[in-house]
Amino acid sequence: MALNLKGRSFLTLEDFTPGEIRYLLDLGHDLKAKRRAGVCDPALKGKHIVLLFEKTSTRTRCSFEVAATQEGAHVTYLDAGSSQMGKKESLEDSAKVLGRFFDGIEYRGFGQDIVEELAAHAGVPVFNGLTNEFHPTQILADFLTIREHFGKLEGIKLVYLGDARFNMGNSLMVGCAKMGMHFVGLGPQELAKQMDQELIKRVFAEARKNGGLIEITDDMGSLKGADMIYGDIWASMGEEDLIPKRAELLSPYRVTEDTLKATGNPDILYMHCLPSFHDFETKLAKEWKDKGVDIREVTDEVFRGPHSVVFDEAENRMHSIKAVLVATIGK
């Protein structure tokens, strides 16, 4: 049954019911099928969307631009050097001005409080393209990918290896709790202790309500029975100085062929939000290798192997974002 999400902002999956998330996934699936079939029925014709990027991106920018354009909308891109937001103009004032010009506002940058304040004052839907705390559009793409491969979300066991303290760990926990999945945050205890404890309480309660399960552990035995293994880079943008310490701490959680075998599942799938350090062909990985530090969170064998669905995920960013745009500001 269709739900009415018109005028809603998309800031975190905590704001949406399981039924609403399922509706967005169904819509993303349908829009993807229509695109591949060559069906053109633009739902955003005459709409205008602004993308505010304080952090750079490949997939998020391209996904929003292509998704909006395919549905008939016009897109304006503003990076940190192209806007007065937060510098010569307050967030509130910027939000009120942009809300007069545009039908929707996407923000990718730093604190969740920024995107929340934009939404409070814009008067139009605001979309979270990534903050320090949450990355909800990525989770929609991930869940669309999981459903394509398994036909369901309920009961799927997803193990996130590494540092679950920030946006990806938080958002995967929330999404899994909402959809009755089994989430395992597998990484060093010293990092797990720094996770948002209030969020964890809410997520545990949500998981109990929806038949899901949440685990935070450093026990590699928790890999057993996993359906999906999820990886992420060990240091986010702006944390490059922490790379040596992170590599030392997280190298036991690098995803290898042995990691996949430890699940006992011959059909195990590997996921990653990208970008990934899986070889030494990038400038950063090569520089650190020359210094004796291996920053790869996954081996090339796994990343390029038959269990990897990372490029399915990457494509699904566009289809899931299109669903959010059509559902909230479409005709």
C-alpha atoms as a PDB file:
ATOM      1  CA  MET A   1       0.000   0.000   0.000  1.00  0.00           C
ATOM      2  CA  ALA A   2       1.351   3.438  -0.920  1.00  0.00           C
ATOM      3  CA  LEU A   3       2.243   5.733   1.960  1.00  0.00           C
ATOM      4  CA  ASN A   4       2.222   9.512   1.918  1.00  0.00           C
ATOM      5  CA  LEU A   5       5.715  10.847   2.634  1.00  0.00           C
ATOM      6  CA  LYS A   6       5.183  14.185   0.864  1.00  0.00           C
ATOM      7  CA  GLY A   7       7.004  17.055   2.554  1.00  0.00           C
ATOM      8  CA  ARG A   8       9.007  14.773   4.868  1.00  0.00           C
ATOM      9  CA  SER A   9      12.706  15.330   5.475  1.00  0.00           C
ATOM     10  CA  PHE A  10      15.051  12.341   5.346  1.00  0.00           C
ATOM     11  CA  LEU A  11      17.565  12.878   8.146  1.00  0.00           C
ATOM     12  CA  THR A  12      17.874   9.493   9.877  1.00  0.00           C
ATOM     13  CA  LEU A  13      16.102   6.150   9.622  1.00  0.00           C
ATOM     14  CA  GLU A  14      15.067   6.617  13.268  1.00  0.00           C
ATOM     15  CA  ASP A  15      12.394   8.998  11.950  1.00  0.00           C
ATOM     16  CA  PHE A  16      10.762   6.309   9.778  1.00  0.00           C
ATOM     17  CA  THR A  17       8.680   3.259  10.578  1.00  0.00           C
ATOM     18  CA  PRO A  18       9.560  -0.178   9.179  1.00  0.00           C
ATOM     19  CA  GLY A  19       6.582   0.162   6.852  1.00  0.00           C
ATOM     20  CA  GLU A  20       7.816   3.510   5.540  1.00  0.00           C
ATOM     21  CA  ILE A  21      11.319   2.146   4.971  1.00  0.00           C
ATOM     22  CA  ARG A  22       9.835  -0.847   3.171  1.00  0.00           C
ATOM     23  CA  TYR A  23       7.798   1.521   1.005  1.00  0.00           C
ATOM     24  CA  LEU A  24      10.934   3.467   0.004  1.00  0.00           C
ATOM     25  CA  LEU A  25      12.693   0.210  -0.869  1.00  0.00           C
ATOM     26  CA  ASP A  26       9.734  -0.952  -2.953  1.00  0.00           C
ATOM     27  CA  LEU A  27       9.669   2.403  -4.734  1.00  0.00           C
ATOM     28  CA  GLY A  28      13.411   2.233  -5.392  1.00  0.00           C
ATOM     29  CA  HIS A  29      12.989  -1.252  -6.841  1.00  0.00           C
ATOM     30  CA  ASP A  30      10.152  -0.093  -9.104  1.00  0.00           C
ATOM     31  CA  LEU A  31      12.009   3.020 -10.301  1.00  0.00           C
ATOM     32  CA  LYS A  32      15.084   0.908 -11.057  1.00  0.00           C
ATOM     33  CA  ALA A  33      12.992  -1.550 -13.085  1.00  0.00           C
ATOM     34  CA  LYS A  34      11.323   1.275 -15.009  1.00  0.00           C
ATOM     35  CA  ARG A  35      14.668   2.871 -15.818  1.00  0.00           C
ATOM     36  CA  ARG A  36      16.065  -0.409 -17.136  1.00  0.00           C
ATOM     37  CA  ALA A  37      12.917  -0.974 -19.188  1.00  0.00           C
ATOM     38  CA  GLY A  38      13.245   2.483 -20.727  1.00  0.00           C
ATOM     39  CA  VAL A  39      10.029   3.766 -19.139  1.00  0.00           C
ATOM     40  CA  CYS A  40      10.212   7.546 -18.807  1.00  0.00           C
ATOM     41  CA  ASP A  41       7.622   9.173 -16.545  1.00  0.00           C
ATOM     42  CA  PRO A  42       9.480  11.982 -14.720  1.00  0.00           C
ATOM     43  CA  ALA A  43       7.987  12.619 -11.286  1.00  0.00           C
ATOM     44  CA  LEU A  44      10.140  15.664 -10.464  1.00  0.00           C
ATOM     45  CA  LYS A  45       9.516  17.787 -13.546  1.00  0.00           C
ATOM     46  CA  GLY A  46       9.758  21.477 -12.651  1.00  0.00           C
ATOM     47  CA  LYS A  47      11.371  20.771  -9.269  1.00  0.00           C
ATOM     48  CA  HIS A  48      14.634  22.363  -8.111  1.00  0.00           C
ATOM     49  CA  ILE A  49      17.064  20.742  -5.665  1.00  0.00           C
ATOM     50  CA  VAL A  50      20.206  22.207  -4.098  1.00  0.00           C
ATOM     51  CA  LEU A  51      23.122  20.030  -2.973  1.00  0.00           C
ATOM     52  CA  LEU A  52      25.169  21.479  -0.094  1.00  0.00           C
ATOM     53  CA  PHE A  53      28.511  19.688   0.200  1.00  0.00           C
ATOM     54  CA  GLU A  54      30.899  20.530   3.028  1.00  0.00           C
ATOM     55  CA  LYS A  55      32.549  17.127   2.496  1.00  0.00           C
ATOM     56  CA  THR A  56      33.559  15.845  -0.914  1.00  0.00           C
ATOM     57  CA  SER A  57      31.961  12.783  -2.465  1.00  0.00           C
ATOM     58  CA  THR A  58      31.766  10.754  -5.652  1.00  0.00           C
ATOM     59  CA  ARG A  59      28.757   8.460  -5.196  1.00  0.00           C
ATOM     60  CA  THR A  60      26.548  10.778  -3.138  1.00  0.00           C
ATOM     61  CA  ARG A  61      26.899  13.745  -5.479  1.00  0.00           C
ATOM     62  CA  CYS A  62      26.522  11.679  -8.644  1.00  0.00           C
ATOM     63  CA  SER A  63      23.606   9.697  -7.202  1.00  0.00           C
ATOM     64  CA  PHE A  64      21.644  12.805  -6.267  1.00  0.00           C
ATOM     65  CA  GLU A  65      22.424  14.607  -9.522  1.00  0.00           C
ATOM     66  CA  VAL A  66      21.602  11.700 -11.822  1.00  0.00           C
ATOM     67  CA  ALA A  67      18.558  10.576  -9.819  1.00  0.00           C
ATOM     68  CA  ALA A  68      17.084  14.080  -9.800  1.00  0.00           C
ATOM     69  CA  THR A  69      17.899  14.736 -13.459  1.00  0.00           C
ATOM     70  CA  GLN A  70      16.430  11.443 -14.650  1.00  0.00           C
ATOM     71  CA  GLU A  71      13.196  12.370 -12.883  1.00  0.00           C
ATOM     72  CA  GLY A  72      13.136  15.817 -14.519  1.00  0.00           C
ATOM     73  CA  ALA A  73      14.469  18.055 -11.734  1.00  0.00           C
ATOM     74  CA  HIS A  74      17.103  20.775 -11.965  1.00  0.00           C
ATOM     75  CA  VAL A  75      20.075  20.510  -9.598  1.00  0.00           C
ATOM     76  CA  THR A  76      22.311  23.239  -8.153  1.00  0.00           C
ATOM     77  CA  TYR A  77      25.575  22.191  -6.497  1.00  0.00           C
ATOM     78  CA  LEU A  78      27.264  24.290  -3.817  1.00  0.00           C
ATOM     79  CA  ASP A  79      30.506  23.217  -2.148  1.00  0.00           C
ATOM     80  CA  ALA A  80      32.097  24.739   0.950  1.00  0.00           C
ATOM     81  CA  GLY A  81      33.764  27.466  -1.116  1.00  0.00           C
ATOM     82  CA  SER A  82      30.597  28.437  -2.970  1.00  0.00           C
ATOM     83  CA  SER A  83      28.296  29.249  -0.068  1.00  0.00           C
ATOM     84  CA  GLN A  84      28.187  31.726   2.814  1.00  0.00           C
ATOM     85  CA  MET A  85      26.320  29.224   5.004  1.00  0.00           C
ATOM     86  CA  GLY A  86      27.707  29.270   8.525  1.00  0.00           C
ATOM     87  CA  LYS A  87      30.328  31.882   7.612  1.00  0.00           C
ATOM     88  CA  LYS A  88      28.733  35.217   6.701  1.00  0.00           C
ATOM     89  CA  GLU A  89      25.197  33.852   7.061  1.00  0.00           C
ATOM     90  CA  SER A  90      23.689  31.776   9.849  1.00  0.00           C
ATOM     91  CA  LEU A  91      22.353  28.295   9.213  1.00  0.00           C
ATOM     92  CA  GLU A  92      18.851  29.521   9.978  1.00  0.00           C
ATOM     93  CA  ASP A  93      19.079  32.381   7.481  1.00  0.00           C
ATOM     94  CA  SER A  94      20.594  30.135   4.802  1.00  0.00           C
ATOM     95  CA  ALA A  95      17.875  27.546   5.315  1.00  0.00           C
ATOM     96  CA  LYS A  96      15.111  30.141   5.009  1.00  0.00           C
ATOM     97  CA  VAL A  97      16.608  31.615   1.828  1.00  0.00           C
ATOM     98  CA  LEU A  98      17.248  28.254   0.149  1.00  0.00           C
ATOM     99  CA  GLY A  99      13.781  27.080   1.119  1.00  0.00           C
ATOM    100  CA  ARG A 100      12.353  29.976  -0.907  1.00  0.00           C
ATOM    101  CA  PHE A 101      14.363  28.973  -3.986  1.00  0.00           C
ATOM    102  CA  PHE A 102      14.314  25.181  -3.914  1.00  0.00           C
ATOM    103  CA  ASP A 103      11.874  22.314  -3.446  1.00  0.00           C
ATOM    104  CA  GLY A 104      14.433  20.192  -1.584  1.00  0.00           C
ATOM    105  CA  ILE A 105      17.825  20.589   0.079  1.00  0.00           C
ATOM    106  CA  GLU A 106      20.521  17.918   0.375  1.00  0.00           C
ATOM    107  CA  TYR A 107      23.324  18.351   2.919  1.00  0.00           C
ATOM    108  CA  ARG A 108      26.565  16.384   3.222  1.00  0.00           C
ATOM    109  CA  GLY A 109      29.012  17.445   5.885  1.00  0.00           C
ATOM    110  CA  PHE A 110      29.654  17.372   9.587  1.00  0.00           C
ATOM    111  CA  GLY A 111      27.361  17.313  12.629  1.00  0.00           C
ATOM    112  CA  GLN A 112      23.834  15.919  12.557  1.00  0.00           C
ATOM    113  CA  ASP A 113      22.769  19.117  14.315  1.00  0.00           C
ATOM    114  CA  ILE A 114      23.485  21.023  11.076  1.00  0.00           C
ATOM    115  CA  VAL A 115      21.107  18.998   8.930  1.00  0.00           C
ATOM    116  CA  GLU A 116      18.534  19.048  11.737  1.00  0.00           C
ATOM    117  CA  GLU A 117      18.706  22.854  11.915  1.00  0.00           C
ATOM    118  CA  LEU A 118      18.402  23.161   8.153  1.00  0.00           C
ATOM    119  CA  ALA A 119      15.264  21.017   8.285  1.00  0.00           C
ATOM    120  CA  ALA A 120      13.830  23.071  11.147  1.00  0.00           C
ATOM    121  CA  HIS A 121      13.954  26.318   9.168  1.00  0.00           C
ATOM    122  CA  ALA A 122      13.893  25.496   5.449  1.00  0.00           C
ATOM    123  CA  GLY A 123      10.184  24.846   5.041  1.00  0.00           C
ATOM    124  CA  VAL A 124      11.008  22.190   2.407  1.00  0.00           C
ATOM    125  CA  PRO A 125      12.308  18.611   2.737  1.00  0.00           C
ATOM    126  CA  VAL A 126      15.977  18.262   3.702  1.00  0.00           C
ATOM    127  CA  PHE A 127      17.945  15.124   2.823  1.00  0.00           C
ATOM    128  CA  ASN A 128      20.937  13.817   4.769  1.00  0.00           C
ATOM    129  CA  GLY A 129      23.701  12.888   2.307  1.00  0.00           C
ATOM    130  CA  LEU A 130      26.053  12.079   5.222  1.00  0.00           C
ATOM    131  CA  THR A 131      26.828  13.549   8.611  1.00  0.00           C
ATOM    132  CA  ASN A 132      29.267  12.429  11.275  1.00  0.00           C
ATOM    133  CA  GLU A 133      26.477  10.511  12.973  1.00  0.00           C
ATOM    134  CA  PHE A 134      24.268   9.106  10.202  1.00  0.00           C
ATOM    135  CA  HIS A 135      24.275   8.092   6.525  1.00  0.00           C
ATOM    136  CA  PRO A 136      20.668   6.986   5.843  1.00  0.00           C
ATOM    137  CA  THR A 137      20.697   7.082   2.025  1.00  0.00           C
ATOM    138  CA  GLN A 138      23.553   4.562   2.030  1.00  0.00           C
ATOM    139  CA  ILE A 139      21.536   2.171   4.187  1.00  0.00           C
ATOM    140  CA  LEU A 140      18.594   2.296   1.797  1.00  0.00           C
ATOM    141  CA  ALA A 141      20.955   1.311  -1.015  1.00  0.00           C
ATOM    142  CA  ASP A 142      22.411  -1.468   1.130  1.00  0.00           C
ATOM    143  CA  PHE A 143      19.006  -2.856   2.017  1.00  0.00           C
ATOM    144  CA  LEU A 144      17.827  -2.669  -1.589  1.00  0.00           C
ATOM    145  CA  THR A 145      20.917  -4.712  -2.501  1.00  0.00           C
ATOM    146  CA  ILE A 146      20.291  -7.273   0.246  1.00  0.00           C
ATOM    147  CA  ARG A 147      16.693  -7.741  -0.847  1.00  0.00           C
ATOM    148  CA  GLU A 148      17.804  -8.236  -4.452  1.00  0.00           C
ATOM    149  CA  HIS A 149      20.112 -11.069  -3.407  1.00  0.00           C
ATOM    150  CA  PHE A 150      18.125 -12.699  -0.586  1.00  0.00           C
ATOM    151  CA  GLY A 151      14.542 -11.656  -1.312  1.00  0.00           C
ATOM    152  CA  LYS A 152      14.074 -10.397   2.241  1.00  0.00           C
ATOM    153  CA  LEU A 153      15.577  -8.412   5.110  1.00  0.00           C
ATOM    154  CA  GLU A 154      13.981 -10.051   8.140  1.00  0.00           C
ATOM    155  CA  GLY A 155      16.337 -12.490   9.863  1.00  0.00           C
ATOM    156  CA  ILE A 156      19.378 -11.571   7.741  1.00  0.00           C
ATOM    157  CA  LYS A 157      22.596 -11.516   9.772  1.00  0.00           C
ATOM    158  CA  LEU A 158      24.896  -8.618   8.883  1.00  0.00           C
ATOM    159  CA  VAL A 159      28.349  -8.346  10.469  1.00  0.00           C
ATOM    160  CA  TYR A 160      30.010  -4.927  10.328  1.00  0.00           C
ATOM    161  CA  LEU A 161      33.769  -5.240  10.832  1.00  0.00           C
ATOM    162  CA  GLY A 162      35.888  -2.402  12.169  1.00  0.00           C
ATOM    163  CA  ASP A 163      34.954   0.866  13.867  1.00  0.00           C
ATOM    164  CA  ALA A 164      31.197   1.075  14.463  1.00  0.00           C
ATOM    165  CA  ARG A 165      31.228   4.378  16.368  1.00  0.00           C
ATOM    166  CA  PHE A 166      30.171   6.709  13.581  1.00  0.00           C
ATOM    167  CA  ASN A 167      27.736   7.180  10.696  1.00  0.00           C
ATOM    168  CA  MET A 168      27.887   3.756   9.049  1.00  0.00           C
ATOM    169  CA  GLY A 169      27.849   1.710  12.240  1.00  0.00           C
ATOM    170  CA  ASN A 170      25.082   3.886  13.695  1.00  0.00           C
ATOM    171  CA  SER A 171      22.940   3.808  10.567  1.00  0.00           C
ATOM    172  CA  LEU A 172      23.312   0.073   9.965  1.00  0.00           C
ATOM    173  CA  MET A 173      22.340  -0.588  13.580  1.00  0.00           C
ATOM    174  CA  VAL A 174      19.258   1.587  13.274  1.00  0.00           C
ATOM    175  CA  GLY A 175      18.249   0.081   9.927  1.00  0.00           C
ATOM    176  CA  CYS A 176      18.734  -3.509  11.085  1.00  0.00           C
ATOM    177  CA  ALA A 177      16.749  -2.844  14.254  1.00  0.00           C
ATOM    178  CA  LYS A 178      13.905  -1.341  12.241  1.00  0.00           C
ATOM    179  CA  MET A 179      13.752  -4.218   9.763  1.00  0.00           C
ATOM    180  CA  GLY A 180      14.074  -7.172  12.140  1.00  0.00           C
ATOM    181  CA  MET A 181      17.638  -8.059  11.137  1.00  0.00           C
ATOM    182  CA  HIS A 182      20.582  -9.385  13.143  1.00  0.00           C
ATOM    183  CA  PHE A 183      23.327  -6.737  13.343  1.00  0.00           C
ATOM    184  CA  VAL A 184      26.780  -7.500  14.730  1.00  0.00           C
ATOM    185  CA  GLY A 185      29.262  -4.673  15.318  1.00  0.00           C
ATOM    186  CA  LEU A 186      32.551  -6.610  15.364  1.00  0.00           C
ATOM    187  CA  GLY A 187      35.609  -4.615  16.402  1.00  0.00           C
ATOM    188  CA  PRO A 188      37.943  -3.571  19.228  1.00  0.00           C
ATOM    189  CA  GLN A 189      36.337  -3.125  22.626  1.00  0.00           C
ATOM    190  CA  GLU A 190      38.167   0.150  23.233  1.00  0.00           C
ATOM    191  CA  LEU A 191      36.304   1.654  20.264  1.00  0.00           C
ATOM    192  CA  ALA A 192      32.987  -0.010  21.092  1.00  0.00           C
ATOM    193  CA  LYS A 193      33.060   1.615  24.532  1.00  0.00           C
ATOM    194  CA  GLN A 194      33.033   5.019  22.832  1.00  0.00           C
ATOM    195  CA  MET A 195      29.807   4.352  20.904  1.00  0.00           C
ATOM    196  CA  ASP A 196      26.736   6.510  21.559  1.00  0.00           C
ATOM    197  CA  GLN A 197      25.172   4.697  24.508  1.00  0.00           C
ATOM    198  CA  GLU A 198      21.840   6.508  24.273  1.00  0.00           C
ATOM    199  CA  LEU A 199      21.540   5.496  20.620  1.00  0.00           C
ATOM    200  CA  ILE A 200      22.396   1.900  21.510  1.00  0.00           C
ATOM    201  CA  LYS A 201      19.598   1.841  24.105  1.00  0.00           C
ATOM    202  CA  ARG A 202      17.104   3.092  21.544  1.00  0.00           C
ATOM    203  CA  VAL A 203      18.344   0.630  18.928  1.00  0.00           C
ATOM    204  CA  PHE A 204      18.135  -2.338  21.300  1.00  0.00           C
ATOM    205  CA  ALA A 205      14.540  -1.396  22.171  1.00  0.00           C
ATOM    206  CA  GLU A 206      13.655  -1.018  18.474  1.00  0.00           C
ATOM    207  CA  ALA A 207      15.201  -4.396  17.640  1.00  0.00           C
ATOM    208  CA  ARG A 208      13.190  -6.141  20.365  1.00  0.00           C
ATOM    209  CA  LYS A 209      10.013  -4.556  19.010  1.00  0.00           C
ATOM    210  CA  ASN A 210      10.674  -5.721  15.447  1.00  0.00           C
ATOM    211  CA  GLY A 211      12.149  -9.166  16.094  1.00  0.00           C
ATOM    212  CA  GLY A 212      15.734  -8.129  15.395  1.00  0.00           C
ATOM    213  CA  LEU A 213      18.967  -8.610  17.327  1.00  0.00           C
ATOM    214  CA  ILE A 214      21.873  -6.238  17.997  1.00  0.00           C
ATOM    215  CA  GLU A 215      25.325  -7.373  19.159  1.00  0.00           C
ATOM    216  CA  ILE A 216      28.457  -5.325  19.858  1.00  0.00           C
ATOM    217  CA  THR A 217      31.456  -7.611  20.308  1.00  0.00           C
ATOM    218  CA  ASP A 218      35.133  -8.297  19.624  1.00  0.00           C
ATOM    219  CA  ASP A 219      34.564 -12.062  19.358  1.00  0.00           C
ATOM    220  CA  MET A 220      35.488 -13.324  15.875  1.00  0.00           C
ATOM    221  CA  GLY A 221      33.257 -16.315  16.548  1.00  0.00           C
ATOM    222  CA  SER A 222      30.297 -14.005  15.889  1.00  0.00           C
ATOM    223  CA  LEU A 223      31.075 -14.334  12.168  1.00  0.00           C
ATOM    224  CA  LYS A 224      29.469 -17.793  12.226  1.00  0.00           C
ATOM    225  CA  GLY A 225      26.201 -17.865  10.327  1.00  0.00           C
ATOM    226  CA  ALA A 226      26.556 -14.402   8.794  1.00  0.00           C
ATOM    227  CA  ASP A 227      24.752 -13.648   5.527  1.00  0.00           C
ATOM    228  CA  MET A 228      26.587 -10.387   4.864  1.00  0.00           C
ATOM    229  CA  ILE A 229      29.966  -9.021   5.890  1.00  0.00           C
ATOM    230  CA  TYR A 230      30.192  -5.233   5.733  1.00  0.00           C
ATOM    231  CA  GLY A 231      33.458  -3.286   5.560  1.00  0.00           C
ATOM    232  CA  ASP A 232      34.452   0.366   5.797  1.00  0.00           C
ATOM    233  CA  ILE A 233      37.671   2.360   5.678  1.00  0.00           C
ATOM    234  CA  TRP A 234      39.545   2.718   8.960  1.00  0.00           C
ATOM    235  CA  ALA A 235      39.920   6.501   8.990  1.00  0.00           C
ATOM    236  CA  SER A 236      37.349   8.980   7.723  1.00  0.00           C
ATOM    237  CA  MET A 237      37.965  12.274   5.957  1.00  0.00           C
ATOM    238  CA  GLY A 238      39.996  14.581   8.172  1.00  0.00           C
ATOM    239  CA  GLU A 239      41.389  11.709  10.254  1.00  0.00           C
ATOM    240  CA  GLU A 240      44.414  10.882   8.110  1.00  0.00           C
ATOM    241  CA  ASP A 241      46.783  11.591  10.996  1.00  0.00           C
ATOM    242  CA  LEU A 242      45.153   8.737  12.938  1.00  0.00           C
ATOM    243  CA  ILE A 243      45.801   6.143  10.225  1.00  0.00           C
ATOM    244  CA  PRO A 244      48.855   4.405  11.778  1.00  0.00           C
ATOM    245  CA  LYS A 245      47.103   3.871  15.112  1.00  0.00           C
ATOM    246  CA  ARG A 246      43.849   2.803  13.444  1.00  0.00           C
ATOM    247  CA  ALA A 247      45.666   0.345  11.176  1.00  0.00           C
ATOM    248  CA  GLU A 248      47.409  -1.247  14.152  1.00  0.00           C
ATOM    249  CA  LEU A 249      44.151  -1.490  16.093  1.00  0.00           C
ATOM    250  CA  LEU A 250      41.913  -2.667  13.257  1.00  0.00           C
ATOM    251  CA  SER A 251      44.187  -4.914  11.183  1.00  0.00           C
ATOM    252  CA  PRO A 252      42.875  -8.057  12.991  1.00  0.00           C
ATOM    253  CA  TYR A 253      39.479  -7.166  11.512  1.00  0.00           C
ATOM    254  CA  ARG A 254      40.672  -6.882   7.911  1.00  0.00           C
ATOM    255  CA  VAL A 255      38.319  -8.892   5.690  1.00  0.00           C
ATOM    256  CA  THR A 256      40.137 -11.767   4.006  1.00  0.00           C
ATOM    257  CA  GLU A 257      39.179 -15.084   2.429  1.00  0.00           C
ATOM    258  CA  ASP A 258      39.612 -16.625   5.887  1.00  0.00           C
ATOM    259  CA  THR A 259      37.068 -14.140   7.253  1.00  0.00           C
ATOM    260  CA  LEU A 260      34.551 -15.288   4.682  1.00  0.00           C
ATOM    261  CA  LYS A 261      35.260 -18.950   5.449  1.00  0.00           C
ATOM    262  CA  ALA A 262      34.753 -18.305   9.179  1.00  0.00           C
ATOM    263  CA  THR A 263      31.080 -17.583   8.511  1.00  0.00           C
ATOM    264  CA  GLY A 264      30.518 -21.178   7.396  1.00  0.00           C
ATOM    265  CA  ASN A 265      28.249 -19.790   4.697  1.00  0.00           C
ATOM    266  CA  PRO A 266      29.242 -20.639   1.100  1.00  0.00           C
ATOM    267  CA  ASP A 267      26.834 -17.923  -0.106  1.00  0.00           C
ATOM    268  CA  ILE A 268      28.266 -15.176   2.117  1.00  0.00           C
ATOM    269  CA  LEU A 269      28.222 -11.715   0.487  1.00  0.00           C
ATOM    270  CA  TYR A 270      30.631  -8.835   1.018  1.00  0.00           C
ATOM    271  CA  MET A 271      29.411  -5.233   1.136  1.00  0.00           C
ATOM    272  CA  HIS A 272      31.192  -1.878   1.383  1.00  0.00           C
ATOM    273  CA  CYS A 273      29.926   1.705   1.222  1.00  0.00           C
ATOM    274  CA  LEU A 274      33.021   2.836  -0.761  1.00  0.00           C
ATOM    275  CA  PRO A 275      35.571   4.225  -1.289  1.00  0.00           C
ATOM    276  CA  SER A 276      37.684   1.250  -0.234  1.00  0.00           C
ATOM    277  CA  PHE A 277      41.366   0.572   0.295  1.00  0.00           C
ATOM    278  CA  HIS A 278      41.638  -2.939  -1.125  1.00  0.00           C
ATOM    279  CA  ASP A 279      44.905  -2.670  -3.075  1.00  0.00           C
ATOM    280  CA  PHE A 280      47.837  -0.268  -3.314  1.00  0.00           C
ATOM    281  CA  GLU A 281      46.752   1.545  -6.467  1.00  0.00           C
ATOM    282  CA  THR A 282      45.527   4.669  -4.669  1.00  0.00           C
ATOM    283  CA  LYS A 283      47.900   7.464  -3.739  1.00  0.00           C
ATOM    284  CA  LEU A 284      47.097   7.211  -0.022  1.00  0.00           C
ATOM    285  CA  ALA A 285      47.454   3.425   0.225  1.00  0.00           C
ATOM    286  CA  LYS A 286      50.728   3.546  -1.676  1.00  0.00           C
ATOM    287  CA  GLU A 287      52.142   6.336   0.491  1.00  0.00           C
ATOM    288  CA  TRP A 288      51.325   4.483   3.703  1.00  0.00           C
ATOM    289  CA  LYS A 289      52.649   1.187   2.337  1.00  0.00           C
ATOM    290  CA  ASP A 290      55.976   2.935   1.707  1.00  0.00           C
ATOM    291  CA  LYS A 291      55.931   3.915   5.384  1.00  0.00           C
ATOM    292  CA  GLY A 292      55.304   0.304   6.404  1.00  0.00           C
ATOM    293  CA  VAL A 293      51.587   0.682   7.158  1.00  0.00           C
ATOM    294  CA  ASP A 294      48.944  -1.462   5.431  1.00  0.00           C
ATOM    295  CA  ILE A 295      45.691   0.528   5.477  1.00  0.00           C
ATOM    296  CA  ARG A 296      43.598  -1.997   3.520  1.00  0.00           C
ATOM    297  CA  GLU A 297      40.395  -2.919   5.355  1.00  0.00           C
ATOM    298  CA  VAL A 298      39.758  -5.720   2.841  1.00  0.00           C
ATOM    299  CA  THR A 299      41.977  -7.753   0.552  1.00  0.00           C
ATOM    300  CA  ASP A 300      41.737  -7.319  -3.198  1.00  0.00           C
ATOM    301  CA  GLU A 301      40.888 -11.011  -3.459  1.00  0.00           C
ATOM    302  CA  VAL A 302      37.681 -10.468  -1.497  1.00  0.00           C
ATOM    303  CA  PHE A 303      36.825  -7.048  -2.921  1.00  0.00           C
ATOM    304  CA  ARG A 304      37.014  -8.239  -6.526  1.00  0.00           C
ATOM    305  CA  GLY A 305      35.866 -11.785  -5.804  1.00  0.00           C
ATOM    306  CA  PRO A 306      32.565 -13.582  -6.441  1.00  0.00           C
ATOM    307  CA  HIS A 307      31.170 -12.790  -2.982  1.00  0.00           C
ATOM    308  CA  SER A 308      31.466  -9.028  -3.450  1.00  0.00           C
ATOM    309  CA  VAL A 309      28.373  -6.960  -4.292  1.00  0.00           C
ATOM    310  CA  VAL A 310      29.960  -3.555  -3.730  1.00  0.00           C
ATOM    311  CA  PHE A 311      29.178  -2.238  -7.204  1.00  0.00           C
ATOM    312  CA  ASP A 312      25.565  -3.393  -6.960  1.00  0.00           C
ATOM    313  CA  GLU A 313      25.393  -1.243  -3.823  1.00  0.00           C
ATOM    314  CA  ALA A 314      27.019   1.690  -5.582  1.00  0.00           C
ATOM    315  CA  GLU A 315      24.456   1.620  -8.381  1.00  0.00           C
ATOM    316  CA  ASN A 316      21.620   1.281  -5.907  1.00  0.00           C
ATOM    317  CA  ARG A 317      22.596   4.580  -4.287  1.00  0.00           C
ATOM    318  CA  MET A 318      21.028   6.255  -7.307  1.00  0.00           C
ATOM    319  CA  HIS A 319      17.827   4.211  -7.263  1.00  0.00           C
ATOM    320  CA  SER A 320      17.259   4.514  -3.507  1.00  0.00           C
ATOM    321  CA  ILE A 321      17.948   8.264  -3.522  1.00  0.00           C
ATOM    322  CA  LYS A 322      15.554   8.605  -6.439  1.00  0.00           C
ATOM    323  CA  ALA A 323      12.926   6.897  -4.286  1.00  0.00           C
ATOM    324  CA  VAL A 324      13.464   9.393  -1.464  1.00  0.00           C
ATOM    325  CA  LEU A 325      13.176  12.364  -3.826  1.00  0.00           C
ATOM    326  CA  VAL A 326      10.088  11.053  -5.620  1.00  0.00           C
ATOM    327  CA  ALA A 327       8.374  10.081  -2.360  1.00  0.00           C
ATOM    328  CA  THR A 328       8.955  13.406  -0.617  1.00  0.00           C
ATOM    329  CA  ILE A 329       8.790  16.070  -3.359  1.00  0.00           C
ATOM    330  CA  GLY A 330       7.446  14.226  -6.410  1.00  0.00           C
ATOM    331  CA  LYS A 331       4.177  14.901  -8.180  1.00  0.00           C
END
